[in-house]
Amino acid sequence: MNFQQLRSVRETVRQGFNLTLVADALSTSQPGISRQIKELEDELGIELFVRAGRRLLGMTEPGKAVLPIIEKLLAEAENLRRAGADFAQADHGLLTVAATHTQARYVLPGAVRDFRATHPRVDLHLQQGSPKQIAQELISGSVDLGIATEALADYPELVALPCYRWTHVVVVPQQHPLALEAQAGQPLTLSRLAAFPLVTYEVGYTGRGHIDEAFARQGLKARVVLQAMDADVIKTYVELGIGAGVIASVAFDPERDSGLVALDARHLFATNTTRVALKRGAYLRGFVYDFIHTFAPSLRRHVVQQALGSPPGQVIEL
């Protein structure tokens, strides 16, 4: 039994039992993958996959039973490699962070700048994706940590620690009726906001759930005419007069967005919590703890380690 055999089995499952894709992912040949799987099956004395000729259709019941063991063995092998590197090369390595657009564009730049100043020999790779994509990348081990507002606390395989809270603002052109009403001292209400077409985030992004819930609680229907993942896109269409925008407060800059007015909406929509997530059981190199602390000063190393020991499924709050 060797790790290449285990990787072949794991990647076969990840690639939907398509051996061509598995071979590409592992930089080897399709016959080589088949041989690795067959040798492991012969050693274990069981068939791991359901076959139709040379095609793999799925996992057998024994295969489903041993897959978690294979995943654990490969995870521990990666932890061993990281532990060795942590002691042998403590001051340099690779840190891969996955984040949503809002975090990558508006919140992370300061933390990245400060981290690079203190860790010049650490290569930092930043990936963007949806909260669900980030969670899957964490679970697969392809990234070290993830940062998002939605979804991360929903996976028992992950530990999601709260970093900071934030609220939404409504953005409109300076001569929009809502802006003029605010200047006149009239409070912004959901019923008044519902009278206008809205431009906001796609479902599953940047607190969109709290926006929909607020309207539903009051029996109102928001007329969302355009959805986007990116606050910059939302603001662009608001400037074109498509509708009133609802975005994260951190995404509005009075100087950069001088053509728009931001109206405080914290009384309309629930507060959101951004979290940093880690794979449960993963070995974290020292500079990973340092980056987390740089991004969220309250998350010191002992706090993160304590959270990593929390029961699966426990949601950690501020």
C-alpha atoms as a PDB file:
ATOM      1  CA  MET A   1       0.000   0.000   0.000  1.00  0.00           C
ATOM      2  CA  ASN A   2       1.334   3.439  -0.895  1.00  0.00           C
ATOM      3  CA  PHE A   3       0.122   7.016  -0.973  1.00  0.00           C
ATOM      4  CA  GLN A   4      -0.120   7.112  -4.753  1.00  0.00           C
ATOM      5  CA  GLN A   5      -2.702   4.327  -4.607  1.00  0.00           C
ATOM      6  CA  LEU A   6      -4.663   6.239  -1.970  1.00  0.00           C
ATOM      7  CA  ARG A   7      -4.481   9.462  -3.986  1.00  0.00           C
ATOM      8  CA  SER A   8      -5.728   7.604  -7.070  1.00  0.00           C
ATOM      9  CA  VAL A   9      -8.812   6.402  -5.190  1.00  0.00           C
ATOM     10  CA  ARG A  10      -9.548   9.791  -3.644  1.00  0.00           C
ATOM     11  CA  GLU A  11      -9.127  11.683  -6.922  1.00  0.00           C
ATOM     12  CA  THR A  12     -11.304   9.157  -8.758  1.00  0.00           C
ATOM     13  CA  VAL A  13     -14.166  10.004  -6.424  1.00  0.00           C
ATOM     14  CA  ARG A  14     -13.503  13.743  -6.700  1.00  0.00           C
ATOM     15  CA  GLN A  15     -13.484  13.607 -10.513  1.00  0.00           C
ATOM     16  CA  GLY A  16     -16.786  11.747 -10.737  1.00  0.00           C
ATOM     17  CA  PHE A  17     -15.126   8.403 -11.652  1.00  0.00           C
ATOM     18  CA  ASN A  18     -13.752   9.836 -14.912  1.00  0.00           C
ATOM     19  CA  LEU A  19     -10.276   8.311 -15.165  1.00  0.00           C
ATOM     20  CA  THR A  20      -9.203  10.715 -17.905  1.00  0.00           C
ATOM     21  CA  LEU A  21      -9.773  13.634 -15.548  1.00  0.00           C
ATOM     22  CA  VAL A  22      -8.100  11.737 -12.710  1.00  0.00           C
ATOM     23  CA  ALA A  23      -5.002  11.128 -14.828  1.00  0.00           C
ATOM     24  CA  ASP A  24      -4.832  14.822 -15.744  1.00  0.00           C
ATOM     25  CA  ALA A  25      -5.230  15.895 -12.114  1.00  0.00           C
ATOM     26  CA  LEU A  26      -2.465  13.560 -10.916  1.00  0.00           C
ATOM     27  CA  SER A  27      -0.213  14.117 -13.958  1.00  0.00           C
ATOM     28  CA  THR A  28      -0.076  10.461 -14.882  1.00  0.00           C
ATOM     29  CA  SER A  29      -1.692   8.054 -17.358  1.00  0.00           C
ATOM     30  CA  GLN A  30      -5.133   6.465 -17.271  1.00  0.00           C
ATOM     31  CA  PRO A  31      -3.688   2.928 -17.308  1.00  0.00           C
ATOM     32  CA  GLY A  32      -1.456   3.959 -14.411  1.00  0.00           C
ATOM     33  CA  ILE A  33      -4.477   5.074 -12.390  1.00  0.00           C
ATOM     34  CA  SER A  34      -6.297   1.822 -13.134  1.00  0.00           C
ATOM     35  CA  ARG A  35      -3.243  -0.162 -12.065  1.00  0.00           C
ATOM     36  CA  GLN A  36      -2.877   1.749  -8.788  1.00  0.00           C
ATOM     37  CA  ILE A  37      -6.535   1.150  -7.926  1.00  0.00           C
ATOM     38  CA  LYS A  38      -6.378  -2.550  -8.842  1.00  0.00           C
ATOM     39  CA  GLU A  39      -3.231  -3.114  -6.788  1.00  0.00           C
ATOM     40  CA  LEU A  40      -4.855  -1.540  -3.744  1.00  0.00           C
ATOM     41  CA  GLU A  41      -8.018  -3.597  -4.220  1.00  0.00           C
ATOM     42  CA  ASP A  42      -5.939  -6.784  -4.481  1.00  0.00           C
ATOM     43  CA  GLU A  43      -4.062  -5.917  -1.292  1.00  0.00           C
ATOM     44  CA  LEU A  44      -7.250  -5.110   0.631  1.00  0.00           C
ATOM     45  CA  GLY A  45      -9.138  -8.090  -0.797  1.00  0.00           C
ATOM     46  CA  ILE A  46     -12.178  -5.975  -1.775  1.00  0.00           C
ATOM     47  CA  GLU A  47     -13.470  -4.103  -4.794  1.00  0.00           C
ATOM     48  CA  LEU A  48     -13.675  -0.362  -4.203  1.00  0.00           C
ATOM     49  CA  PHE A  49     -15.563   0.590  -7.369  1.00  0.00           C
ATOM     50  CA  VAL A  50     -18.573  -0.645  -9.318  1.00  0.00           C
ATOM     51  CA  ARG A  51     -17.463  -1.380 -12.876  1.00  0.00           C
ATOM     52  CA  ALA A  52     -19.056  -1.768 -16.292  1.00  0.00           C
ATOM     53  CA  GLY A  53     -16.258  -3.073 -18.446  1.00  0.00           C
ATOM     54  CA  ARG A  54     -13.420  -0.588 -18.025  1.00  0.00           C
ATOM     55  CA  ARG A  55     -15.714   2.188 -16.821  1.00  0.00           C
ATOM     56  CA  LEU A  56     -16.147   3.044 -13.153  1.00  0.00           C
ATOM     57  CA  LEU A  57     -19.743   3.792 -12.214  1.00  0.00           C
ATOM     58  CA  GLY A  58     -19.494   4.466  -8.493  1.00  0.00           C
ATOM     59  CA  MET A  59     -18.252   3.076  -5.199  1.00  0.00           C
ATOM     60  CA  THR A  60     -19.110  -0.307  -3.733  1.00  0.00           C
ATOM     61  CA  GLU A  61     -20.313  -0.518  -0.142  1.00  0.00           C
ATOM     62  CA  PRO A  62     -16.815  -1.599   1.023  1.00  0.00           C
ATOM     63  CA  GLY A  63     -15.399   1.280  -0.987  1.00  0.00           C
ATOM     64  CA  LYS A  64     -17.704   3.759   0.740  1.00  0.00           C
ATOM     65  CA  ALA A  65     -16.608   2.354   4.100  1.00  0.00           C
ATOM     66  CA  VAL A  66     -12.867   2.717   3.483  1.00  0.00           C
ATOM     67  CA  LEU A  67     -12.993   6.103   1.701  1.00  0.00           C
ATOM     68  CA  PRO A  68     -13.077   8.110   4.987  1.00  0.00           C
ATOM     69  CA  ILE A  69     -10.034   6.143   6.162  1.00  0.00           C
ATOM     70  CA  ILE A  70      -8.202   6.957   2.935  1.00  0.00           C
ATOM     71  CA  GLU A  71      -9.125  10.634   3.312  1.00  0.00           C
ATOM     72  CA  LYS A  72      -7.828  10.628   6.894  1.00  0.00           C
ATOM     73  CA  LEU A  73      -4.546   8.928   5.971  1.00  0.00           C
ATOM     74  CA  LEU A  74      -3.871  11.457   3.215  1.00  0.00           C
ATOM     75  CA  ALA A  75      -4.810  14.357   5.491  1.00  0.00           C
ATOM     76  CA  GLU A  76      -2.427  13.142   8.185  1.00  0.00           C
ATOM     77  CA  ALA A  77       0.323  12.699   5.591  1.00  0.00           C
ATOM     78  CA  GLU A  78      -0.170  16.339   4.584  1.00  0.00           C
ATOM     79  CA  ASN A  79      -0.140  17.371   8.248  1.00  0.00           C
ATOM     80  CA  LEU A  80       3.159  15.516   8.685  1.00  0.00           C
ATOM     81  CA  ARG A  81       4.651  17.343   5.710  1.00  0.00           C
ATOM     82  CA  ARG A  82       3.486  20.700   7.042  1.00  0.00           C
ATOM     83  CA  ALA A  83       4.790  19.973  10.536  1.00  0.00           C
ATOM     84  CA  GLY A  84       8.202  19.130   9.138  1.00  0.00           C
ATOM     85  CA  ALA A  85       8.253  22.274   7.010  1.00  0.00           C
ATOM     86  CA  ASP A  86       7.159  24.358   9.985  1.00  0.00           C
ATOM     87  CA  PHE A  87      10.287  23.408  11.906  1.00  0.00           C
ATOM     88  CA  ALA A  88      12.711  23.182   8.991  1.00  0.00           C
ATOM     89  CA  GLN A  89      11.574  26.342   7.162  1.00  0.00           C
ATOM     90  CA  ALA A  90       9.577  28.332   9.680  1.00  0.00           C
ATOM     91  CA  ASP A  91       9.916  31.667   7.926  1.00  0.00           C
ATOM     92  CA  HIS A  92       8.832  30.777   4.406  1.00  0.00           C
ATOM     93  CA  GLY A  93       6.309  28.703   2.489  1.00  0.00           C
ATOM     94  CA  LEU A  94       2.994  29.003   0.665  1.00  0.00           C
ATOM     95  CA  LEU A  95      -0.236  30.363   2.152  1.00  0.00           C
ATOM     96  CA  THR A  96      -3.399  29.937   0.082  1.00  0.00           C
ATOM     97  CA  VAL A  97      -6.436  31.997   1.083  1.00  0.00           C
ATOM     98  CA  ALA A  98      -9.887  31.717  -0.497  1.00  0.00           C
ATOM     99  CA  ALA A  99     -12.296  34.621  -0.077  1.00  0.00           C
ATOM    100  CA  THR A 100     -15.415  36.124  -1.565  1.00  0.00           C
ATOM    101  CA  HIS A 101     -15.099  39.198  -3.762  1.00  0.00           C
ATOM    102  CA  THR A 102     -16.249  41.569  -1.023  1.00  0.00           C
ATOM    103  CA  GLN A 103     -13.592  40.316   1.387  1.00  0.00           C
ATOM    104  CA  ALA A 104     -10.834  40.196  -1.238  1.00  0.00           C
ATOM    105  CA  ARG A 105     -11.642  43.637  -2.652  1.00  0.00           C
ATOM    106  CA  TYR A 106     -12.541  45.700   0.409  1.00  0.00           C
ATOM    107  CA  VAL A 107     -11.334  44.018   3.609  1.00  0.00           C
ATOM    108  CA  LEU A 108      -8.274  41.868   2.904  1.00  0.00           C
ATOM    109  CA  PRO A 109      -5.889  44.382   1.242  1.00  0.00           C
ATOM    110  CA  GLY A 110      -4.770  45.939   4.540  1.00  0.00           C
ATOM    111  CA  ALA A 111      -4.182  42.552   6.169  1.00  0.00           C
ATOM    112  CA  VAL A 112      -2.273  41.283   3.125  1.00  0.00           C
ATOM    113  CA  ARG A 113      -0.067  44.390   3.117  1.00  0.00           C
ATOM    114  CA  ASP A 114       0.744  44.069   6.832  1.00  0.00           C
ATOM    115  CA  PHE A 115       1.333  40.318   6.600  1.00  0.00           C
ATOM    116  CA  ARG A 116       3.684  40.702   3.634  1.00  0.00           C
ATOM    117  CA  ALA A 117       5.685  43.293   5.567  1.00  0.00           C
ATOM    118  CA  THR A 118       6.332  40.848   8.412  1.00  0.00           C
ATOM    119  CA  HIS A 119       6.523  37.623   6.337  1.00  0.00           C
ATOM    120  CA  PRO A 120       8.350  38.546   3.107  1.00  0.00           C
ATOM    121  CA  ARG A 121       9.365  34.932   2.394  1.00  0.00           C
ATOM    122  CA  VAL A 122       5.819  33.564   2.484  1.00  0.00           C
ATOM    123  CA  ASP A 123       4.178  33.358  -0.939  1.00  0.00           C
ATOM    124  CA  LEU A 124       0.526  34.346  -0.662  1.00  0.00           C
ATOM    125  CA  HIS A 125      -2.009  32.992  -3.148  1.00  0.00           C
ATOM    126  CA  LEU A 126      -5.462  34.591  -3.066  1.00  0.00           C
ATOM    127  CA  GLN A 127      -8.410  32.826  -4.685  1.00  0.00           C
ATOM    128  CA  GLN A 128     -11.944  34.159  -5.092  1.00  0.00           C
ATOM    129  CA  GLY A 129     -15.138  32.140  -5.080  1.00  0.00           C
ATOM    130  CA  SER A 130     -18.604  31.722  -3.661  1.00  0.00           C
ATOM    131  CA  PRO A 131     -18.965  30.732   0.013  1.00  0.00           C
ATOM    132  CA  LYS A 132     -19.880  27.175  -0.987  1.00  0.00           C
ATOM    133  CA  GLN A 133     -16.888  26.938  -3.328  1.00  0.00           C
ATOM    134  CA  ILE A 134     -14.632  28.180  -0.540  1.00  0.00           C
ATOM    135  CA  ALA A 135     -16.018  25.563   1.848  1.00  0.00           C
ATOM    136  CA  GLN A 136     -15.396  22.769  -0.668  1.00  0.00           C
ATOM    137  CA  GLU A 137     -11.839  23.968  -1.306  1.00  0.00           C
ATOM    138  CA  LEU A 138     -11.171  23.927   2.432  1.00  0.00           C
ATOM    139  CA  ILE A 139     -12.607  20.437   2.840  1.00  0.00           C
ATOM    140  CA  SER A 140     -10.544  19.133  -0.092  1.00  0.00           C
ATOM    141  CA  GLY A 141      -7.395  20.680   1.397  1.00  0.00           C
ATOM    142  CA  SER A 142      -6.622  22.854  -1.626  1.00  0.00           C
ATOM    143  CA  VAL A 143      -6.605  26.071   0.451  1.00  0.00           C
ATOM    144  CA  ASP A 144      -5.342  26.832   3.957  1.00  0.00           C
ATOM    145  CA  LEU A 145      -8.121  29.132   5.112  1.00  0.00           C
ATOM    146  CA  GLY A 146     -11.311  30.673   3.814  1.00  0.00           C
ATOM    147  CA  ILE A 147     -13.021  33.987   4.505  1.00  0.00           C
ATOM    148  CA  ALA A 148     -16.722  34.604   3.843  1.00  0.00           C
ATOM    149  CA  THR A 149     -19.961  35.625   5.496  1.00  0.00           C
ATOM    150  CA  GLU A 150     -22.274  32.812   4.362  1.00  0.00           C
ATOM    151  CA  ALA A 151     -22.112  29.012   4.521  1.00  0.00           C
ATOM    152  CA  LEU A 152     -18.792  28.406   6.292  1.00  0.00           C
ATOM    153  CA  ALA A 153     -20.406  27.695   9.670  1.00  0.00           C
ATOM    154  CA  ASP A 154     -22.722  25.109   8.084  1.00  0.00           C
ATOM    155  CA  TYR A 155     -20.053  22.446   7.493  1.00  0.00           C
ATOM    156  CA  PRO A 156     -19.064  20.138  10.390  1.00  0.00           C
ATOM    157  CA  GLU A 157     -15.748  19.462   8.628  1.00  0.00           C
ATOM    158  CA  LEU A 158     -14.789  23.097   9.173  1.00  0.00           C
ATOM    159  CA  VAL A 159     -14.109  25.341  12.140  1.00  0.00           C
ATOM    160  CA  ALA A 160     -15.522  28.821  11.404  1.00  0.00           C
ATOM    161  CA  LEU A 161     -14.422  31.634  13.704  1.00  0.00           C
ATOM    162  CA  PRO A 162     -16.149  35.028  13.748  1.00  0.00           C
ATOM    163  CA  CYS A 163     -13.948  37.961  12.687  1.00  0.00           C
ATOM    164  CA  TYR A 164     -16.127  41.063  12.567  1.00  0.00           C
ATOM    165  CA  ARG A 165     -19.709  42.219  12.107  1.00  0.00           C
ATOM    166  CA  TRP A 166     -21.009  44.519   9.416  1.00  0.00           C
ATOM    167  CA  THR A 167     -24.231  46.003   8.087  1.00  0.00           C
ATOM    168  CA  HIS A 168     -25.746  47.009   4.760  1.00  0.00           C
ATOM    169  CA  VAL A 169     -26.221  50.434   3.215  1.00  0.00           C
ATOM    170  CA  VAL A 170     -28.576  51.552   0.475  1.00  0.00           C
ATOM    171  CA  VAL A 171     -26.766  53.407  -2.311  1.00  0.00           C
ATOM    172  CA  VAL A 172     -28.532  55.748  -4.736  1.00  0.00           C
ATOM    173  CA  PRO A 173     -27.602  58.668  -7.019  1.00  0.00           C
ATOM    174  CA  GLN A 174     -27.532  62.051  -5.318  1.00  0.00           C
ATOM    175  CA  GLN A 175     -30.836  63.198  -6.848  1.00  0.00           C
ATOM    176  CA  HIS A 176     -32.695  59.931  -6.216  1.00  0.00           C
ATOM    177  CA  PRO A 177     -35.959  60.384  -4.256  1.00  0.00           C
ATOM    178  CA  LEU A 178     -34.582  58.334  -1.344  1.00  0.00           C
ATOM    179  CA  ALA A 179     -31.510  60.608  -1.132  1.00  0.00           C
ATOM    180  CA  LEU A 180     -33.669  63.735  -1.178  1.00  0.00           C
ATOM    181  CA  GLU A 181     -35.990  62.279   1.486  1.00  0.00           C
ATOM    182  CA  ALA A 182     -33.001  61.482   3.697  1.00  0.00           C
ATOM    183  CA  GLN A 183     -31.759  65.077   3.314  1.00  0.00           C
ATOM    184  CA  ALA A 184     -35.189  66.233   4.445  1.00  0.00           C
ATOM    185  CA  GLY A 185     -34.950  64.098   7.573  1.00  0.00           C
ATOM    186  CA  GLN A 186     -37.360  61.363   6.496  1.00  0.00           C
ATOM    187  CA  PRO A 187     -36.314  57.927   7.832  1.00  0.00           C
ATOM    188  CA  LEU A 188     -35.637  55.114   5.397  1.00  0.00           C
ATOM    189  CA  THR A 189     -38.191  52.299   5.692  1.00  0.00           C
ATOM    190  CA  LEU A 190     -38.533  48.904   4.042  1.00  0.00           C
ATOM    191  CA  SER A 191     -41.924  49.800   2.616  1.00  0.00           C
ATOM    192  CA  ARG A 192     -40.461  52.897   0.990  1.00  0.00           C
ATOM    193  CA  LEU A 193     -37.453  50.933  -0.327  1.00  0.00           C
ATOM    194  CA  ALA A 194     -39.800  48.285  -1.760  1.00  0.00           C
ATOM    195  CA  ALA A 195     -41.333  50.983  -3.970  1.00  0.00           C
ATOM    196  CA  PHE A 196     -38.155  51.113  -6.081  1.00  0.00           C
ATOM    197  CA  PRO A 197     -36.382  48.515  -8.239  1.00  0.00           C
ATOM    198  CA  LEU A 198     -33.388  47.086  -6.395  1.00  0.00           C
ATOM    199  CA  VAL A 199     -29.896  46.042  -7.426  1.00  0.00           C
ATOM    200  CA  THR A 200     -28.131  43.802  -4.934  1.00  0.00           C
ATOM    201  CA  TYR A 201     -26.139  40.611  -4.376  1.00  0.00           C
ATOM    202  CA  GLU A 202     -26.930  37.188  -5.757  1.00  0.00           C
ATOM    203  CA  VAL A 203     -28.543  34.719  -3.382  1.00  0.00           C
ATOM    204  CA  GLY A 204     -25.875  33.186  -1.153  1.00  0.00           C
ATOM    205  CA  TYR A 205     -23.574  36.196  -1.217  1.00  0.00           C
ATOM    206  CA  THR A 206     -22.769  39.006   1.210  1.00  0.00           C
ATOM    207  CA  GLY A 207     -25.788  38.915   3.482  1.00  0.00           C
ATOM    208  CA  ARG A 208     -28.417  38.537   0.744  1.00  0.00           C
ATOM    209  CA  GLY A 209     -30.351  36.150   2.998  1.00  0.00           C
ATOM    210  CA  HIS A 210     -30.837  38.866   5.608  1.00  0.00           C
ATOM    211  CA  ILE A 211     -32.125  41.251   2.936  1.00  0.00           C
ATOM    212  CA  ASP A 212     -34.760  38.783   1.731  1.00  0.00           C
ATOM    213  CA  GLU A 213     -35.732  37.850   5.295  1.00  0.00           C
ATOM    214  CA  ALA A 214     -36.334  41.484   6.246  1.00  0.00           C
ATOM    215  CA  PHE A 215     -38.798  42.058   3.413  1.00  0.00           C
ATOM    216  CA  ALA A 216     -40.528  38.724   4.051  1.00  0.00           C
ATOM    217  CA  ARG A 217     -41.049  39.506   7.753  1.00  0.00           C
ATOM    218  CA  GLN A 218     -43.002  42.629   6.830  1.00  0.00           C
ATOM    219  CA  GLY A 219     -44.956  40.909   4.070  1.00  0.00           C
ATOM    220  CA  LEU A 220     -43.201  42.947   1.390  1.00  0.00           C
ATOM    221  CA  LYS A 221     -41.785  41.759  -1.914  1.00  0.00           C
ATOM    222  CA  ALA A 222     -38.515  43.289  -3.047  1.00  0.00           C
ATOM    223  CA  ARG A 223     -38.348  43.923  -6.784  1.00  0.00           C
ATOM    224  CA  VAL A 224     -34.761  42.874  -7.470  1.00  0.00           C
ATOM    225  CA  VAL A 225     -34.085  43.736 -11.112  1.00  0.00           C
ATOM    226  CA  LEU A 226     -30.379  42.933 -11.177  1.00  0.00           C
ATOM    227  CA  GLN A 227     -28.162  40.658  -9.076  1.00  0.00           C
ATOM    228  CA  ALA A 228     -24.369  40.502  -8.935  1.00  0.00           C
ATOM    229  CA  MET A 229     -21.596  38.965  -6.847  1.00  0.00           C
ATOM    230  CA  ASP A 230     -19.561  42.159  -6.965  1.00  0.00           C
ATOM    231  CA  ALA A 231     -20.436  45.426  -5.172  1.00  0.00           C
ATOM    232  CA  ASP A 232     -18.565  47.405  -7.843  1.00  0.00           C
ATOM    233  CA  VAL A 233     -20.917  45.965 -10.461  1.00  0.00           C
ATOM    234  CA  ILE A 234     -23.925  46.837  -8.309  1.00  0.00           C
ATOM    235  CA  LYS A 235     -22.739  50.432  -7.894  1.00  0.00           C
ATOM    236  CA  THR A 236     -22.120  50.767 -11.628  1.00  0.00           C
ATOM    237  CA  TYR A 237     -25.732  49.914 -12.438  1.00  0.00           C
ATOM    238  CA  VAL A 238     -27.033  52.096  -9.629  1.00  0.00           C
ATOM    239  CA  GLU A 239     -25.175  55.032 -11.218  1.00  0.00           C
ATOM    240  CA  LEU A 240     -26.908  54.183 -14.507  1.00  0.00           C
ATOM    241  CA  GLY A 241     -30.287  54.548 -12.799  1.00  0.00           C
ATOM    242  CA  ILE A 242     -31.254  50.859 -12.936  1.00  0.00           C
ATOM    243  CA  GLY A 243     -32.343  50.848  -9.290  1.00  0.00           C
ATOM    244  CA  ALA A 244     -31.422  51.474  -5.678  1.00  0.00           C
ATOM    245  CA  GLY A 245     -28.490  49.348  -4.530  1.00  0.00           C
ATOM    246  CA  VAL A 246     -28.132  47.377  -1.317  1.00  0.00           C
ATOM    247  CA  ILE A 247     -24.475  46.597  -0.580  1.00  0.00           C
ATOM    248  CA  ALA A 248     -22.146  45.890   2.321  1.00  0.00           C
ATOM    249  CA  SER A 249     -21.196  49.043   4.209  1.00  0.00           C
ATOM    250  CA  VAL A 250     -17.485  48.186   3.783  1.00  0.00           C
ATOM    251  CA  ALA A 251     -17.942  48.368  -0.006  1.00  0.00           C
ATOM    252  CA  PHE A 252     -18.806  52.077  -0.023  1.00  0.00           C
ATOM    253  CA  ASP A 253     -16.078  54.723  -0.185  1.00  0.00           C
ATOM    254  CA  PRO A 254     -17.366  58.337  -0.181  1.00  0.00           C
ATOM    255  CA  GLU A 255     -14.387  59.573  -2.209  1.00  0.00           C
ATOM    256  CA  ARG A 256     -14.328  56.802  -4.776  1.00  0.00           C
ATOM    257  CA  ASP A 257     -18.119  56.622  -5.010  1.00  0.00           C
ATOM    258  CA  SER A 258     -18.676  60.372  -5.075  1.00  0.00           C
ATOM    259  CA  GLY A 259     -21.602  60.110  -7.490  1.00  0.00           C
ATOM    260  CA  LEU A 260     -23.609  58.073  -4.986  1.00  0.00           C
ATOM    261  CA  VAL A 261     -25.134  58.605  -1.561  1.00  0.00           C
ATOM    262  CA  ALA A 262     -25.048  55.853   1.088  1.00  0.00           C
ATOM    263  CA  LEU A 263     -28.066  55.586   3.377  1.00  0.00           C
ATOM    264  CA  ASP A 264     -27.590  53.691   6.644  1.00  0.00           C
ATOM    265  CA  ALA A 265     -29.711  50.519   6.580  1.00  0.00           C
ATOM    266  CA  ARG A 266     -28.617  48.820   9.793  1.00  0.00           C
ATOM    267  CA  HIS A 267     -32.130  49.307  11.202  1.00  0.00           C
ATOM    268  CA  LEU A 268     -33.635  47.495   8.204  1.00  0.00           C
ATOM    269  CA  PHE A 269     -31.465  44.402   7.838  1.00  0.00           C
ATOM    270  CA  ALA A 270     -29.887  42.037  10.379  1.00  0.00           C
ATOM    271  CA  THR A 271     -26.207  42.374  11.197  1.00  0.00           C
ATOM    272  CA  ASN A 272     -23.859  40.009   9.334  1.00  0.00           C
ATOM    273  CA  THR A 273     -20.821  38.138  10.651  1.00  0.00           C
ATOM    274  CA  THR A 274     -17.767  37.455   8.510  1.00  0.00           C
ATOM    275  CA  ARG A 275     -15.868  34.302   9.475  1.00  0.00           C
ATOM    276  CA  VAL A 276     -12.493  32.748   8.821  1.00  0.00           C
ATOM    277  CA  ALA A 277     -12.721  28.986   8.374  1.00  0.00           C
ATOM    278  CA  LEU A 278     -10.193  26.177   8.694  1.00  0.00           C
ATOM    279  CA  LYS A 279     -10.381  22.483   7.989  1.00  0.00           C
ATOM    280  CA  ARG A 280     -10.920  20.535  11.189  1.00  0.00           C
ATOM    281  CA  GLY A 281      -7.886  18.392  11.975  1.00  0.00           C
ATOM    282  CA  ALA A 282      -5.501  20.224   9.625  1.00  0.00           C
ATOM    283  CA  TYR A 283      -2.017  21.129  10.853  1.00  0.00           C
ATOM    284  CA  LEU A 284      -1.541  24.885  10.674  1.00  0.00           C
ATOM    285  CA  ARG A 285       1.900  26.313  10.103  1.00  0.00           C
ATOM    286  CA  GLY A 286       2.906  29.226  12.290  1.00  0.00           C
ATOM    287  CA  PHE A 287       2.439  31.837   9.587  1.00  0.00           C
ATOM    288  CA  VAL A 288      -1.190  30.720   9.099  1.00  0.00           C
ATOM    289  CA  TYR A 289      -1.915  31.709  12.710  1.00  0.00           C
ATOM    290  CA  ASP A 290      -0.052  34.978  12.072  1.00  0.00           C
ATOM    291  CA  PHE A 291      -2.182  35.793   9.039  1.00  0.00           C
ATOM    292  CA  ILE A 292      -5.413  35.076  10.905  1.00  0.00           C
ATOM    293  CA  HIS A 293      -4.318  37.362  13.741  1.00  0.00           C
ATOM    294  CA  THR A 294      -3.367  40.091  11.256  1.00  0.00           C
ATOM    295  CA  PHE A 295      -6.784  39.890   9.620  1.00  0.00           C
ATOM    296  CA  ALA A 296      -8.742  39.536  12.889  1.00  0.00           C
ATOM    297  CA  PRO A 297      -6.689  40.769  15.886  1.00  0.00           C
ATOM    298  CA  SER A 298      -9.022  39.067  18.377  1.00  0.00           C
ATOM    299  CA  LEU A 299      -8.135  35.652  16.923  1.00  0.00           C
ATOM    300  CA  ARG A 300      -4.834  34.961  18.632  1.00  0.00           C
ATOM    301  CA  ARG A 301      -3.167  31.578  18.277  1.00  0.00           C
ATOM    302  CA  HIS A 302      -4.540  30.119  21.514  1.00  0.00           C
ATOM    303  CA  VAL A 303      -8.075  31.216  20.566  1.00  0.00           C
ATOM    304  CA  VAL A 304      -7.808  29.474  17.193  1.00  0.00           C
ATOM    305  CA  GLN A 305      -6.342  26.327  18.751  1.00  0.00           C
ATOM    306  CA  GLN A 306      -9.123  26.222  21.323  1.00  0.00           C
ATOM    307  CA  ALA A 307     -11.726  26.548  18.560  1.00  0.00           C
ATOM    308  CA  LEU A 308     -10.089  23.744  16.575  1.00  0.00           C
ATOM    309  CA  GLY A 309     -10.760  21.491  19.558  1.00  0.00           C
ATOM    310  CA  SER A 310     -14.466  22.379  19.692  1.00  0.00           C
ATOM    311  CA  PRO A 311     -17.078  19.698  18.889  1.00  0.00           C
ATOM    312  CA  PRO A 312     -18.044  19.339  15.187  1.00  0.00           C
ATOM    313  CA  GLY A 313     -21.145  21.342  14.369  1.00  0.00           C
ATOM    314  CA  GLN A 314     -20.676  23.874  17.169  1.00  0.00           C
ATOM    315  CA  VAL A 315     -21.177  27.425  15.884  1.00  0.00           C
ATOM    316  CA  ILE A 316     -18.723  29.846  17.484  1.00  0.00           C
ATOM    317  CA  GLU A 317     -20.053  33.361  17.976  1.00  0.00           C
ATOM    318  CA  LEU A 318     -18.487  36.715  18.843  1.00  0.00           C
END
